[in-house]
């Protein structure tokens, strides 16, 4: 298997799901706040993850919580929920995913664009230059991702995830628009563009 970011076909997504040892007919939700995690995202998911798993019996959740943050979920356990400090290789988790929740960093969004993945972006409001907020505004205008601001957590995130799990065609439309901004091999170029915007 090619260990690079590339457009993910149905066949390649199946390969990635096999690699993660989840059923091939599963829905995979990936949550990442970056390598250090994001407490706001962790706290929101803690409040909604069991509801999502109960409502979607084929859902498998992979959540990168960040180093030392496995206890953030206070002992919540479910066989279909996987809490990890780090995700490696990240492209395999993204490739297996049907929906990805992420911060609005240019690099991650570019990688998702190359792969063609439906994204829910939660911009960090505290970064000094506000680039994630600008990225989110741009993606929202282009209808290339769903945007949830921190003040709308957790219910806004629950609604956005449910929307894309229940209506995969909406996710495919978002992914297609994000992918059109990300020609193969141009992830860094798109990331730079998003940061500049």
Foldseek 3Di string as FASTA:
>chain_A
DDPDQAAADLVNLQVLCVVVPADSPAAEEEEAAPLQADLLVLLLCLVCVVVVCVVGVRYAYEYQHAPPCPCVSVPDDDPRYHYHVDDPPPSSSLSNHQEYEYAQALLVLLSLLRHLHAYEHEHDCPPDVCLSVQLVVVLVVLLLYHYDYSVNGPVVVVVRVCVCVVPVVSGNVSSNSSNVLHPPPCSVVRSVVSSVD
